[in-house]
Amino acid sequence: MPFPLFRLGRLQRKVLLAISVIVIVPMLVAGWLAAEWVSISFEKRLQQWIVDAARSNQHWLQAYQNDAVILGRVLADDPAYVAKVERNPEEAIPLPVQRISQELGINLIQLYSPEKKLLYSSIPVEVNALWERGQTEAVLKVVSQQKTMLAAVGITPIPRRGKPRYYLVLGSLLGQDFTDELAQLTGLKARLYYREGKKYFDLFSSPGKVIVLKHLPRMALARLEKDKKPYYSLEAENGQFRGLYTPIVDPTGRVEAIMFSGLEKRGVQEVLTNRAALFLFISLLGVVIGGLAGLLLSRLVVRPLEYLRNGVMQLAGQNFSANVPISSDDELGDLAKAFNAMAARLREARDEQAQRFQKDKLSAMGELSAALAHEIRNPIGIINASAALLDKPDYAPEKKTELTRMIREESLRVSHLVQDFLQLSRHRQPSFADIDPAQPLERALDLALAGGKAVTVHREFHHHDAKIKADPGLLQQAWGNIFTNALQAMNGKDGKFWLRSGMEDGRVFLSVEDNGPGVPAEIMPRLFEPFFTTKEQGTGLGLTIAYTLVEANGGRLEALPPEGNGARFVMRFPLYQEAAVL
């Protein structure tokens, strides 16, 4: 039987050929181009999503180590704590430390000798391989209650400088629930490969088995270990996933673990990243219902990915209220649900952090109020006692005059104290303007020296005509408090001021140094604490007010070691307008 095409007339064959050339061939080309664009676009969006989610997983793990390192340094810098440890290593965990560690999620606390001999452990664990010399963070394999786990730890030598007498190891035990939690947080498969020698092992993917990371090419391992850069693979985990391998690097630059975050290859994802399958699908659909194919493809694929991308961008911009519409029940819908779940978890974490901040704020307010009450109680007691003595009719007149003077002085002291406290607590709204940063300093100096005090001023201004954005009145008040303290410290001697300015790393700095007695090094960290003073009649609020005024203007006030024997204070502000280049 002859082929049906040859049974058609010549005109029919021409029409069929014309339709093939005009419609079908361009449709095939368009189908191929569409398949190429969709697969590339979808693959890029998937890669971006996996990279962003992997970054969240990495931050989640490093948060455990950062908390452990910070707590370890705080304890190592506490002489009382170090004395307790040296007296009895089992006192390494006093009750306050236990409470803080529980709040931070730290459940493993150990103390080692310089030879890495275990002296104390908060829970019975067996560490298979200890940390290497110089490490401050590590991911270690441990055995607890006959169960193999990992521990994300921070290592702190005691003392932190010089030859260590002890090693304090703080950390959190990580089990299967840790990787499950990461999977729930990001919607991706999470695996953690810990380092042992030159190899990496996974404990959690297959219960009862230890999996060696051996399917990565040498180029990928070199990128992870030498360049310390993540490696993205379309054939990750023996081709089962597309995902990102992220090196976990400690502060010494050593790769201590590798975290994998990946999306399993299945379903629509593979169709949408396979060019040949997409070409066939789009071509057939285009021949049958060409006009509807583009709309359907847009609604099913591109738009959900745009929603997902927009949601990721909002989340990256700290908008934890971001929400992705769930328009399907397939893998894309699963990604949208996973994103919404992650955003909800982050939103809860932010709210919890805000509540902690509010509690800390109320606690600080209570301490400040107690300090104010303590400062006011003494003058009030003197006033009450003097008033009681004045009521005695047979009291000597000259004594009454002295008591009246004491009441007046103590009342004035209370008034100044309350005025400083109100100024400290008042919420300031600076009136920002483009100003020369030296202008408030010069005005404050003129007012401080208006009494005719014999002070020599040396100026070395090198910020030229650079500008900052600040409230000149508030900065003048801050400088005034600093000059007042300096003049009082000079105690009438021939004083000298050195005023300097310059630019560092895109910031303008101004410094004032005097030739007074200076500030002892041991009290320098407490200079800006409310009510801390070394003067008999001081309130201890002058420098605190100056600090808050500078902060309100976006700057920073620091007390630095002087070049001479006096005191030195430096203000730093972001550069608003650079100096003109001549």
Protein backbone atom coordinates (compact mmCIF):
# COMPACT_ATOMS: atom_id res chain seq x y z
CA MET A 1 0.00 0.00 0.00
CA PRO A 2 1.51 3.35 -1.06
CA PHE A 3 2.39 5.92 1.64
CA PRO A 4 -0.66 8.16 2.27
CA LEU A 5 1.31 11.31 1.48
CA PHE A 6 1.66 10.22 -2.13
CA ARG A 7 -2.10 9.79 -2.42
CA LEU A 8 -2.58 13.56 -1.86
CA GLY A 9 -2.89 15.89 -4.78
CA ARG A 10 -0.10 18.25 -5.69
CA LEU A 11 -1.87 21.31 -4.21
CA GLN A 12 -2.53 19.49 -0.96
CA ARG A 13 1.11 18.52 -0.77
CA LYS A 14 2.12 22.15 -1.39
CA VAL A 15 -0.24 23.38 1.34
CA LEU A 16 1.09 20.75 3.73
CA LEU A 17 4.64 21.75 2.87
CA ALA A 18 3.81 25.45 3.30
CA ILE A 19 2.19 24.78 6.69
CA SER A 20 5.20 22.70 7.66
CA VAL A 21 7.60 25.49 6.67
CA ILE A 22 5.56 28.44 7.93
CA VAL A 23 4.00 26.97 11.11
CA ILE A 24 5.50 23.69 12.19
CA VAL A 25 9.20 24.51 11.64
CA PRO A 26 9.03 27.90 13.48
CA MET A 27 6.97 26.18 16.16
CA LEU A 28 9.72 23.59 16.59
CA VAL A 29 12.38 26.32 16.73
CA ALA A 30 10.26 28.30 19.18
CA GLY A 31 9.66 25.13 21.19
CA TRP A 32 13.39 24.45 21.34
CA LEU A 33 14.19 28.05 22.30
CA ALA A 34 11.41 28.00 24.90
CA ALA A 35 12.70 24.72 26.30
CA GLU A 36 16.20 26.19 26.48
CA TRP A 37 15.03 29.36 28.25
CA VAL A 38 12.74 27.58 30.72
CA SER A 39 15.35 24.98 31.70
CA ILE A 40 18.11 27.56 32.19
CA SER A 41 15.83 30.00 34.04
CA PHE A 42 14.41 27.28 36.27
CA GLU A 43 17.86 25.85 37.01
CA LYS A 44 19.18 29.31 37.95
CA ARG A 45 16.27 29.97 40.28
CA LEU A 46 16.65 26.56 41.89
CA GLN A 47 20.36 27.18 42.37
CA GLN A 48 19.71 30.60 43.94
CA TRP A 49 17.12 29.11 46.26
CA ILE A 50 19.46 26.31 47.34
CA VAL A 51 22.35 28.76 47.88
CA ASP A 52 20.19 31.06 50.05
CA ALA A 53 18.82 28.13 52.06
CA ALA A 54 22.31 26.66 52.52
CA ARG A 55 23.49 29.99 53.90
CA SER A 56 20.72 29.81 56.51
CA ASN A 57 21.79 26.25 57.45
CA GLN A 58 25.41 27.36 57.81
CA HIS A 59 24.44 30.31 60.02
CA TRP A 60 22.29 27.98 62.15
CA LEU A 61 25.28 25.67 62.85
CA GLN A 62 27.77 28.48 63.40
CA ALA A 63 25.39 30.16 65.86
CA TYR A 64 25.98 27.22 68.25
CA GLN A 65 29.76 27.63 67.96
CA ASN A 66 29.69 31.44 68.20
CA ASP A 67 27.64 31.31 71.40
CA ALA A 68 30.06 28.74 72.86
CA VAL A 69 33.14 30.81 71.93
CA ILE A 70 31.69 34.03 73.36
CA LEU A 71 30.65 32.38 76.63
CA GLY A 72 34.06 30.68 76.89
CA ARG A 73 35.90 33.98 76.44
CA VAL A 74 33.74 35.72 79.02
CA LEU A 75 34.50 32.95 81.56
CA ALA A 76 38.23 32.85 80.72
CA ASP A 77 38.48 36.63 81.29
CA ASP A 78 36.82 36.37 84.73
CA PRO A 79 39.56 36.06 87.42
CA ALA A 80 37.07 34.73 89.99
CA TYR A 81 35.99 31.96 87.64
CA VAL A 82 39.62 31.03 86.82
CA ALA A 83 40.41 30.90 90.55
CA LYS A 84 37.48 28.53 91.13
CA VAL A 85 38.65 26.25 88.31
CA GLU A 86 42.19 26.12 89.65
CA ARG A 87 40.91 25.38 93.16
CA ASN A 88 38.58 22.61 92.06
CA PRO A 89 37.99 21.71 88.37
CA GLU A 90 34.55 20.31 89.26
CA GLU A 91 33.49 23.86 90.15
CA ALA A 92 33.89 24.79 86.48
CA ILE A 93 30.11 24.98 86.15
CA PRO A 94 28.68 27.35 88.80
CA LEU A 95 24.92 27.90 88.83
CA PRO A 96 24.96 31.19 86.84
CA VAL A 97 27.01 29.51 84.08
CA GLN A 98 24.53 26.62 83.96
CA ARG A 99 21.62 28.99 83.49
CA ILE A 100 23.36 31.00 80.76
CA SER A 101 24.45 27.85 78.93
CA GLN A 102 20.88 26.48 79.02
CA GLU A 103 19.55 29.73 77.55
CA LEU A 104 22.14 29.50 74.73
CA GLY A 105 21.42 25.81 74.05
CA ILE A 106 24.88 24.73 75.28
CA ASN A 107 24.57 21.27 76.86
CA LEU A 108 28.19 20.08 76.77
CA ILE A 109 30.73 21.71 79.13
CA GLN A 110 34.14 20.11 79.58
CA LEU A 111 37.45 21.06 81.17
CA TYR A 112 40.77 19.65 79.92
CA SER A 113 44.35 19.84 81.14
CA PRO A 114 47.08 21.30 78.83
CA GLU A 115 47.78 17.70 77.77
CA LYS A 116 44.10 17.40 76.74
CA LYS A 117 43.25 15.11 79.62
CA LEU A 118 39.60 15.36 80.59
CA LEU A 119 39.17 16.86 84.06
CA TYR A 120 35.42 17.48 84.09
CA SER A 121 32.42 16.90 81.84
CA SER A 122 28.84 18.05 82.37
CA ILE A 123 27.51 14.90 80.70
CA PRO A 124 29.18 11.51 80.16
CA VAL A 125 30.48 11.52 76.60
CA GLU A 126 33.41 9.91 74.85
CA VAL A 127 35.23 12.15 72.36
CA ASN A 128 36.77 10.05 69.58
CA ALA A 129 39.12 12.73 68.21
CA LEU A 130 40.09 15.94 69.99
CA TRP A 131 40.67 19.32 68.41
CA GLU A 132 43.91 20.32 66.76
CA ARG A 133 46.32 22.90 68.10
CA GLY A 134 45.21 26.50 67.59
CA GLN A 135 41.55 25.64 66.90
CA THR A 136 38.89 27.74 68.62
CA GLU A 137 35.91 26.01 66.93
CA ALA A 138 35.41 22.41 65.91
CA VAL A 139 32.85 19.75 64.97
CA LEU A 140 33.79 16.60 66.90
CA LYS A 141 32.49 13.03 66.84
CA VAL A 142 31.31 11.91 70.30
CA VAL A 143 29.56 8.90 71.82
CA SER A 144 26.86 9.56 74.43
CA GLN A 145 24.86 6.71 75.98
CA GLN A 146 26.13 4.32 73.26
CA LYS A 147 24.81 6.69 70.60
CA THR A 148 27.16 8.34 68.10
CA MET A 149 26.60 12.07 67.70
CA LEU A 150 28.43 15.24 66.66
CA ALA A 151 29.27 18.19 68.87
CA ALA A 152 29.65 21.77 67.63
CA VAL A 153 32.06 23.21 70.18
CA GLY A 154 34.14 26.26 71.00
CA ILE A 155 37.57 25.79 72.59
CA THR A 156 38.90 28.49 74.93
CA PRO A 157 42.37 28.30 76.57
CA ILE A 158 42.61 29.48 80.18
CA PRO A 159 44.27 31.95 80.31
CA ARG A 160 43.59 33.19 76.80
CA ARG A 161 47.09 34.68 76.48
CA GLY A 162 50.32 32.87 77.26
CA LYS A 163 50.71 29.21 78.05
CA PRO A 164 47.31 27.62 78.77
CA ARG A 165 46.71 25.88 82.08
CA TYR A 166 43.32 24.52 81.06
CA TYR A 167 41.11 24.18 77.98
CA LEU A 168 37.39 25.02 78.40
CA VAL A 169 35.23 23.23 75.80
CA LEU A 170 31.64 24.43 75.42
CA GLY A 171 29.25 23.16 72.82
CA SER A 172 26.00 21.57 71.73
CA LEU A 173 25.35 17.93 70.88
CA LEU A 174 24.01 17.45 67.37
CA GLY A 175 22.02 14.38 66.45
CA GLN A 176 19.63 13.27 63.74
CA ASP A 177 17.14 15.83 65.05
CA PHE A 178 19.57 18.63 64.08
CA THR A 179 19.57 17.75 60.37
CA ASP A 180 15.81 17.10 60.54
CA GLU A 181 15.34 20.58 61.99
CA LEU A 182 17.39 22.10 59.18
CA ALA A 183 15.30 20.20 56.64
CA GLN A 184 12.10 21.55 58.19
CA LEU A 185 13.55 25.06 58.27
CA THR A 186 14.58 25.26 54.60
CA GLY A 187 12.73 22.41 52.88
CA LEU A 188 16.04 20.95 51.63
CA LYS A 189 17.87 17.75 52.50
CA ALA A 190 20.66 18.59 54.97
CA ARG A 191 23.76 16.51 55.69
CA LEU A 192 26.74 17.33 57.90
CA TYR A 193 30.12 15.73 57.13
CA TYR A 194 32.56 16.04 60.02
CA ARG A 195 36.31 15.96 59.47
CA GLU A 196 38.56 13.20 60.78
CA GLY A 197 42.11 13.49 59.45
CA LYS A 198 41.87 14.11 55.70
CA LYS A 199 38.45 12.48 55.25
CA TYR A 200 34.88 13.56 55.93
CA PHE A 201 32.15 11.34 57.37
CA ASP A 202 28.35 11.50 57.68
CA LEU A 203 26.73 9.89 60.74
CA PHE A 204 23.05 10.68 60.29
CA SER A 205 21.91 9.86 56.74
CA SER A 206 21.91 6.08 57.26
CA PRO A 207 21.25 4.95 60.88
CA GLY A 208 23.98 2.66 62.14
CA LYS A 209 26.34 3.43 59.25
CA VAL A 210 29.14 5.97 58.72
CA ILE A 211 29.20 7.31 55.15
CA VAL A 212 32.47 8.61 53.69
CA LEU A 213 32.34 11.69 51.46
CA LYS A 214 34.16 10.24 48.44
CA HIS A 215 32.05 11.06 45.40
CA LEU A 216 33.26 14.65 45.02
CA PRO A 217 35.84 15.33 42.28
CA ARG A 218 39.29 16.58 43.24
CA MET A 219 38.52 20.00 41.84
CA ALA A 220 35.52 20.30 44.17
CA LEU A 221 37.52 19.22 47.24
CA ALA A 222 40.26 21.68 46.35
CA ARG A 223 37.66 24.46 46.06
CA LEU A 224 36.24 23.53 49.48
CA GLU A 225 39.52 22.97 51.37
CA LYS A 226 41.99 25.37 49.76
CA ASP A 227 39.80 28.19 48.44
CA LYS A 228 37.24 27.87 51.31
CA LYS A 229 34.45 28.43 48.75
CA PRO A 230 31.13 26.56 48.38
CA TYR A 231 30.72 24.05 45.55
CA TYR A 232 27.41 23.67 43.69
CA SER A 233 26.75 20.40 41.86
CA LEU A 234 23.93 19.26 39.60
CA GLU A 235 24.95 15.65 40.32
CA ALA A 236 25.40 15.85 44.09
CA GLU A 237 25.31 12.84 46.40
CA ASN A 238 25.86 10.29 43.58
CA GLY A 239 23.45 12.08 41.27
CA GLN A 240 20.45 11.95 43.61
CA PHE A 241 20.39 15.68 44.39
CA ARG A 242 21.28 19.07 43.05
CA GLY A 243 22.82 20.92 45.94
CA LEU A 244 25.54 23.00 47.55
CA TYR A 245 28.52 21.82 49.60
CA THR A 246 29.52 24.55 52.08
CA PRO A 247 32.81 24.43 54.03
CA ILE A 248 32.53 25.18 57.76
CA VAL A 249 35.74 27.09 58.47
CA ASP A 250 37.06 27.88 61.93
CA PRO A 251 38.86 31.21 62.70
CA THR A 252 42.26 29.60 61.97
CA GLY A 253 41.21 28.92 58.38
CA ARG A 254 40.86 25.15 58.80
CA VAL A 255 37.90 23.39 57.23
CA GLU A 256 36.35 21.53 60.17
CA ALA A 257 33.23 20.19 58.45
CA ILE A 258 31.26 20.27 55.19
CA MET A 259 27.53 20.94 55.17
CA PHE A 260 25.40 19.72 52.26
CA SER A 261 22.05 21.31 51.39
CA GLY A 262 20.27 19.82 48.40
CA LEU A 263 17.03 19.27 46.58
CA GLU A 264 16.18 15.73 45.54
CA LYS A 265 15.86 15.12 41.82
CA ARG A 266 12.32 14.01 41.05
CA GLY A 267 9.07 14.92 39.33
CA VAL A 268 8.48 18.22 37.60
CA GLN A 269 11.92 19.53 38.42
CA GLU A 270 13.60 17.00 36.17
CA VAL A 271 11.16 17.63 33.33
CA LEU A 272 11.69 21.38 33.56
CA THR A 273 15.48 21.07 33.53
CA ASN A 274 15.64 18.47 30.71
CA ARG A 275 15.87 20.32 27.37
CA ALA A 276 14.83 17.36 25.18
CA ALA A 277 11.75 16.55 27.23
CA LEU A 278 10.72 20.19 27.35
CA PHE A 279 11.16 20.54 23.58
CA LEU A 280 8.90 17.58 22.89
CA PHE A 281 6.31 18.74 25.40
CA ILE A 282 6.22 22.36 24.19
CA SER A 283 6.27 21.37 20.53
CA LEU A 284 3.36 18.94 20.81
CA LEU A 285 1.39 21.35 22.94
CA GLY A 286 2.17 24.18 20.53
CA VAL A 287 0.91 22.24 17.51
CA VAL A 288 -2.36 21.38 19.28
CA ILE A 289 -3.05 24.50 21.31
CA GLY A 290 -0.10 26.81 20.66
CA GLY A 291 -1.74 29.89 22.04
CA LEU A 292 -2.59 28.29 25.39
CA ALA A 293 0.80 26.65 25.88
CA GLY A 294 2.61 29.83 26.80
CA LEU A 295 -0.11 30.94 29.22
CA LEU A 296 -0.29 27.54 30.87
CA LEU A 297 3.50 27.31 31.16
CA SER A 298 3.65 30.80 32.62
CA ARG A 299 0.98 30.05 35.22
CA LEU A 300 2.36 26.66 36.21
CA VAL A 301 6.08 27.35 36.24
CA VAL A 302 7.34 30.88 35.85
CA ARG A 303 4.91 32.70 38.12
CA PRO A 304 5.42 30.41 41.17
CA LEU A 305 9.16 30.77 40.77
CA GLU A 306 8.80 34.56 40.61
CA TYR A 307 6.79 34.42 43.82
CA LEU A 308 9.48 32.28 45.36
CA ARG A 309 12.23 34.63 44.20
CA ASN A 310 10.35 37.70 45.48
CA GLY A 311 9.83 35.97 48.80
CA VAL A 312 13.53 35.15 49.07
CA MET A 313 14.44 38.77 48.24
CA GLN A 314 12.03 40.07 50.90
CA LEU A 315 13.46 37.65 53.44
CA ALA A 316 16.99 38.74 52.55
CA GLY A 317 15.83 42.31 53.21
CA GLN A 318 14.81 41.37 56.80
CA ASN A 319 11.09 41.27 55.95
CA PHE A 320 10.13 38.18 57.96
CA SER A 321 6.44 38.66 57.10
CA ALA A 322 7.12 37.51 53.54
CA ASN A 323 4.70 34.86 52.28
CA VAL A 324 4.64 32.89 49.04
CA PRO A 325 1.24 31.94 47.56
CA ILE A 326 0.79 28.15 47.32
CA SER A 327 -0.77 27.61 43.92
CA SER A 328 -0.12 23.88 43.43
CA ASP A 329 0.38 20.63 45.31
CA ASP A 330 3.51 19.52 43.43
CA GLU A 331 7.25 20.10 44.08
CA LEU A 332 6.87 23.84 43.48
CA GLY A 333 4.07 23.90 46.04
CA ASP A 334 6.32 21.99 48.44
CA LEU A 335 9.01 24.64 47.95
CA ALA A 336 6.47 27.40 48.65
CA LYS A 337 5.27 25.62 51.81
CA ALA A 338 8.85 25.11 52.96
CA PHE A 339 9.60 28.79 52.36
CA ASN A 340 6.53 29.89 54.33
CA ALA A 341 7.49 27.56 57.17
CA MET A 342 11.02 28.96 57.22
CA ALA A 343 9.73 32.55 57.23
CA ALA A 344 7.40 31.72 60.13
CA ARG A 345 10.28 30.19 62.10
CA LEU A 346 12.47 33.22 61.49
CA ARG A 347 9.59 35.52 62.47
CA GLU A 348 9.17 33.62 65.74
CA ALA A 349 12.91 33.85 66.38
CA ARG A 350 12.81 37.61 65.77
CA ASP A 351 9.86 38.06 68.14
CA GLU A 352 11.62 36.00 70.79
CA GLN A 353 14.72 38.15 70.39
CA ALA A 354 12.62 41.31 70.76
CA GLN A 355 11.10 39.94 73.98
CA ARG A 356 14.56 39.19 75.35
CA PHE A 357 15.65 42.72 74.46
CA GLN A 358 12.63 44.13 76.31
CA LYS A 359 13.47 42.06 79.40
CA ASP A 360 17.08 43.25 79.30
CA LYS A 361 15.87 46.82 78.91
CA LEU A 362 13.60 46.55 81.98
CA SER A 363 16.43 44.98 83.97
CA ALA A 364 18.79 47.81 83.01
CA MET A 365 16.12 50.35 83.97
CA GLY A 366 15.79 48.72 87.39
CA GLU A 367 19.54 48.85 87.97
CA LEU A 368 19.64 52.50 86.88
CA SER A 369 16.75 53.39 89.21
CA ALA A 370 18.45 51.63 92.12
CA ALA A 371 21.65 53.56 91.46
CA LEU A 372 19.74 56.85 91.34
CA ALA A 373 17.95 56.05 94.60
CA HIS A 374 21.30 55.26 96.22
CA GLU A 375 22.77 58.58 95.08
CA ILE A 376 19.76 60.58 96.31
CA ARG A 377 19.47 58.81 99.69
CA ASN A 378 22.63 60.35 101.21
CA PRO A 379 21.76 64.02 100.48
CA ILE A 380 18.18 63.45 101.67
CA GLY A 381 19.50 61.97 104.93
CA ILE A 382 21.72 65.00 105.51
CA ILE A 383 18.82 67.36 104.79
CA ASN A 384 16.51 65.50 107.21
CA ALA A 385 19.13 65.45 109.97
CA SER A 386 19.92 69.15 109.52
CA ALA A 387 16.23 70.08 109.52
CA ALA A 388 15.72 68.12 112.75
CA LEU A 389 18.61 70.00 114.41
CA LEU A 390 17.22 73.35 113.26
CA ASP A 391 14.00 72.61 115.17
CA LYS A 392 15.87 72.73 118.50
CA PRO A 393 15.33 76.17 120.06
CA ASP A 394 18.56 76.19 122.08
CA TYR A 395 20.80 75.43 119.11
CA ALA A 396 23.63 77.96 118.54
CA PRO A 397 22.96 80.52 115.76
CA GLU A 398 26.30 79.93 114.07
CA LYS A 399 25.52 76.21 113.99
CA LYS A 400 22.10 76.94 112.46
CA THR A 401 23.81 78.99 109.73
CA GLU A 402 26.09 76.05 108.98
CA LEU A 403 23.10 73.66 108.91
CA THR A 404 21.23 76.00 106.54
CA ARG A 405 24.24 76.05 104.22
CA MET A 406 24.41 72.26 104.28
CA ILE A 407 20.69 71.96 103.43
CA ARG A 408 21.13 74.38 100.54
CA GLU A 409 24.20 72.54 99.16
CA GLU A 410 22.63 69.09 99.45
CA SER A 411 19.39 70.31 97.85
CA LEU A 412 21.39 71.75 94.97
CA ARG A 413 23.26 68.45 94.65
CA VAL A 414 19.97 66.52 94.42
CA SER A 415 18.66 69.01 91.86
CA HIS A 416 21.77 68.60 89.66
CA LEU A 417 21.56 64.83 89.99
CA VAL A 418 17.89 64.74 88.93
CA GLN A 419 18.58 67.16 86.07
CA ASP A 420 21.43 64.94 84.76
CA PHE A 421 19.26 61.84 85.11
CA LEU A 422 16.39 63.46 83.18
CA GLN A 423 18.81 64.52 80.47
CA LEU A 424 20.16 60.97 80.25
CA SER A 425 16.73 59.34 80.04
CA ARG A 426 15.09 61.85 77.69
CA HIS A 427 14.62 60.50 74.16
CA ARG A 428 16.53 62.80 71.83
CA GLN A 429 15.51 63.57 68.29
CA PRO A 430 18.53 65.27 66.67
CA SER A 431 17.97 68.06 64.17
CA PHE A 432 20.41 66.86 61.54
CA ALA A 433 22.34 69.34 59.41
CA ASP A 434 25.44 69.29 57.20
CA ILE A 435 28.13 70.66 59.50
CA ASP A 436 31.86 70.97 59.90
CA PRO A 437 32.65 68.40 62.65
CA ALA A 438 35.09 70.80 64.34
CA GLN A 439 32.43 73.53 64.79
CA PRO A 440 30.67 72.03 67.90
CA LEU A 441 34.07 71.21 69.43
CA GLU A 442 35.30 74.81 69.07
CA ARG A 443 32.09 76.28 70.53
CA ALA A 444 32.19 73.93 73.51
CA LEU A 445 35.84 74.84 74.13
CA ASP A 446 35.06 78.58 74.02
CA LEU A 447 32.30 78.15 76.62
CA ALA A 448 34.49 75.96 78.83
CA LEU A 449 37.29 78.56 78.81
CA ALA A 450 34.97 81.55 79.22
CA GLY A 451 35.94 81.81 82.91
CA GLY A 452 39.43 82.91 81.96
CA LYS A 453 41.15 79.60 82.78
CA ALA A 454 44.82 79.50 81.72
CA VAL A 455 44.79 76.72 79.14
CA THR A 456 47.00 76.36 76.06
CA VAL A 457 45.28 74.88 73.02
CA HIS A 458 47.14 73.09 70.19
CA ARG A 459 45.16 72.36 67.02
CA GLU A 460 45.99 69.86 64.27
CA PHE A 461 42.92 69.65 62.01
CA HIS A 462 43.34 67.54 58.87
CA HIS A 463 39.76 66.80 57.83
CA HIS A 464 39.82 69.87 55.54
CA ASP A 465 36.27 70.75 54.43
CA ALA A 466 34.77 67.28 54.95
CA LYS A 467 31.20 67.37 56.33
CA ILE A 468 29.14 65.15 58.61
CA LYS A 469 25.38 64.96 59.16
CA ALA A 470 24.65 65.68 62.86
CA ASP A 471 22.98 68.02 65.38
CA PRO A 472 25.59 70.68 66.31
CA GLY A 473 23.84 71.55 69.59
CA LEU A 474 23.90 67.97 70.90
CA LEU A 475 27.54 67.49 69.88
CA GLN A 476 28.47 70.79 71.54
CA GLN A 477 26.87 69.55 74.77
CA ALA A 478 28.80 66.26 74.53
CA TRP A 479 32.12 68.07 74.02
CA GLY A 480 31.21 70.44 76.88
CA ASN A 481 30.87 67.51 79.31
CA ILE A 482 34.29 66.21 78.22
CA PHE A 483 35.98 69.61 78.60
CA THR A 484 34.34 70.12 82.02
CA ASN A 485 35.75 66.82 83.27
CA ALA A 486 39.19 67.67 81.86
CA LEU A 487 39.30 71.12 83.51
CA GLN A 488 38.21 69.67 86.85
CA ALA A 489 40.93 67.00 86.61
CA MET A 490 43.61 69.66 85.93
CA ASN A 491 42.67 71.24 89.29
CA GLY A 492 43.86 74.76 88.48
CA LYS A 493 47.28 73.86 87.01
CA ASP A 494 48.45 75.30 83.70
CA GLY A 495 46.45 73.11 81.39
CA LYS A 496 46.97 72.09 77.79
CA PHE A 497 44.60 70.71 75.18
CA TRP A 498 45.58 68.95 71.95
CA LEU A 499 42.77 69.02 69.38
CA ARG A 500 43.20 66.76 66.35
CA SER A 501 41.06 65.63 63.41
CA GLY A 502 41.44 63.45 60.36
CA MET A 503 39.83 60.77 58.19
CA GLU A 504 40.08 56.95 58.48
CA ASP A 505 38.23 54.31 56.44
CA GLY A 506 35.52 56.69 55.23
CA ARG A 507 34.93 58.16 58.71
CA VAL A 508 35.85 61.50 60.29
CA PHE A 509 37.48 61.44 63.73
CA LEU A 510 38.08 64.24 66.24
CA SER A 511 40.17 63.77 69.40
CA VAL A 512 40.83 65.81 72.54
CA GLU A 513 43.79 65.10 74.83
CA ASP A 514 44.69 66.97 78.04
CA ASN A 515 47.69 67.04 80.34
CA GLY A 516 45.76 66.11 83.47
CA PRO A 517 46.39 63.08 85.71
CA GLY A 518 44.79 60.74 83.17
CA VAL A 519 42.53 57.73 83.61
CA PRO A 520 43.82 54.51 85.23
CA ALA A 521 43.72 51.60 82.79
CA GLU A 522 41.66 49.43 85.14
CA ILE A 523 38.69 51.86 85.21
CA MET A 524 38.79 52.93 81.57
CA PRO A 525 36.22 50.26 80.47
CA ARG A 526 33.71 51.69 83.02
CA LEU A 527 33.99 55.38 82.06
CA PHE A 528 30.65 55.48 80.25
CA GLU A 529 28.64 53.55 82.87
CA PRO A 530 25.88 55.61 84.57
CA PHE A 531 26.75 56.86 88.09
CA PHE A 532 30.37 55.69 87.86
CA THR A 533 32.69 58.46 89.06
CA THR A 534 36.01 58.90 90.86
CA LYS A 535 35.16 62.42 92.09
CA GLU A 536 33.74 63.02 95.55
CA GLN A 537 30.99 65.37 94.36
CA GLY A 538 30.45 63.96 90.87
CA THR A 539 27.21 62.34 89.69
CA GLY A 540 28.87 59.99 87.21
CA LEU A 541 26.47 60.98 84.40
CA GLY A 542 28.54 63.47 82.39
CA LEU A 543 30.37 61.00 80.17
CA THR A 544 27.29 58.75 79.96
CA ILE A 545 25.26 61.68 78.58
CA ALA A 546 28.06 62.52 76.15
CA TYR A 547 28.11 58.90 74.94
CA THR A 548 24.33 58.83 74.31
CA LEU A 549 24.44 62.19 72.53
CA VAL A 550 27.16 61.00 70.14
CA GLU A 551 25.29 57.73 69.51
CA ALA A 552 22.08 59.65 68.77
CA ASN A 553 24.00 61.43 66.00
CA GLY A 554 25.20 58.18 64.43
CA GLY A 555 28.72 58.46 65.86
CA ARG A 556 30.83 56.68 68.44
CA LEU A 557 32.65 58.03 71.51
CA GLU A 558 35.77 56.18 72.69
CA ALA A 559 38.30 56.60 75.51
CA LEU A 560 41.77 55.72 74.17
CA PRO A 561 45.25 55.58 75.72
CA PRO A 562 46.85 59.05 75.48
CA GLU A 563 50.05 59.95 73.70
CA GLY A 564 51.17 61.79 76.88
CA ASN A 565 50.05 61.47 80.51
CA GLY A 566 46.50 62.84 80.39
CA ALA A 567 43.16 61.57 79.13
CA ARG A 568 42.18 61.19 75.47
CA PHE A 569 38.66 60.98 73.99
CA VAL A 570 37.82 60.38 70.32
CA MET A 571 34.56 60.86 68.40
CA ARG A 572 34.06 59.10 65.05
CA PHE A 573 31.30 59.91 62.52
CA PRO A 574 30.36 58.54 59.09
CA LEU A 575 31.55 60.79 56.27
CA TYR A 576 28.63 62.62 54.65
CA GLN A 577 30.47 64.88 52.18
CA GLU A 578 34.09 64.36 51.17
CA ALA A 579 36.59 67.16 51.14
CA ALA A 580 36.98 68.83 47.76
CA VAL A 581 40.08 67.70 45.83
CA LEU A 582 42.17 70.73 44.93
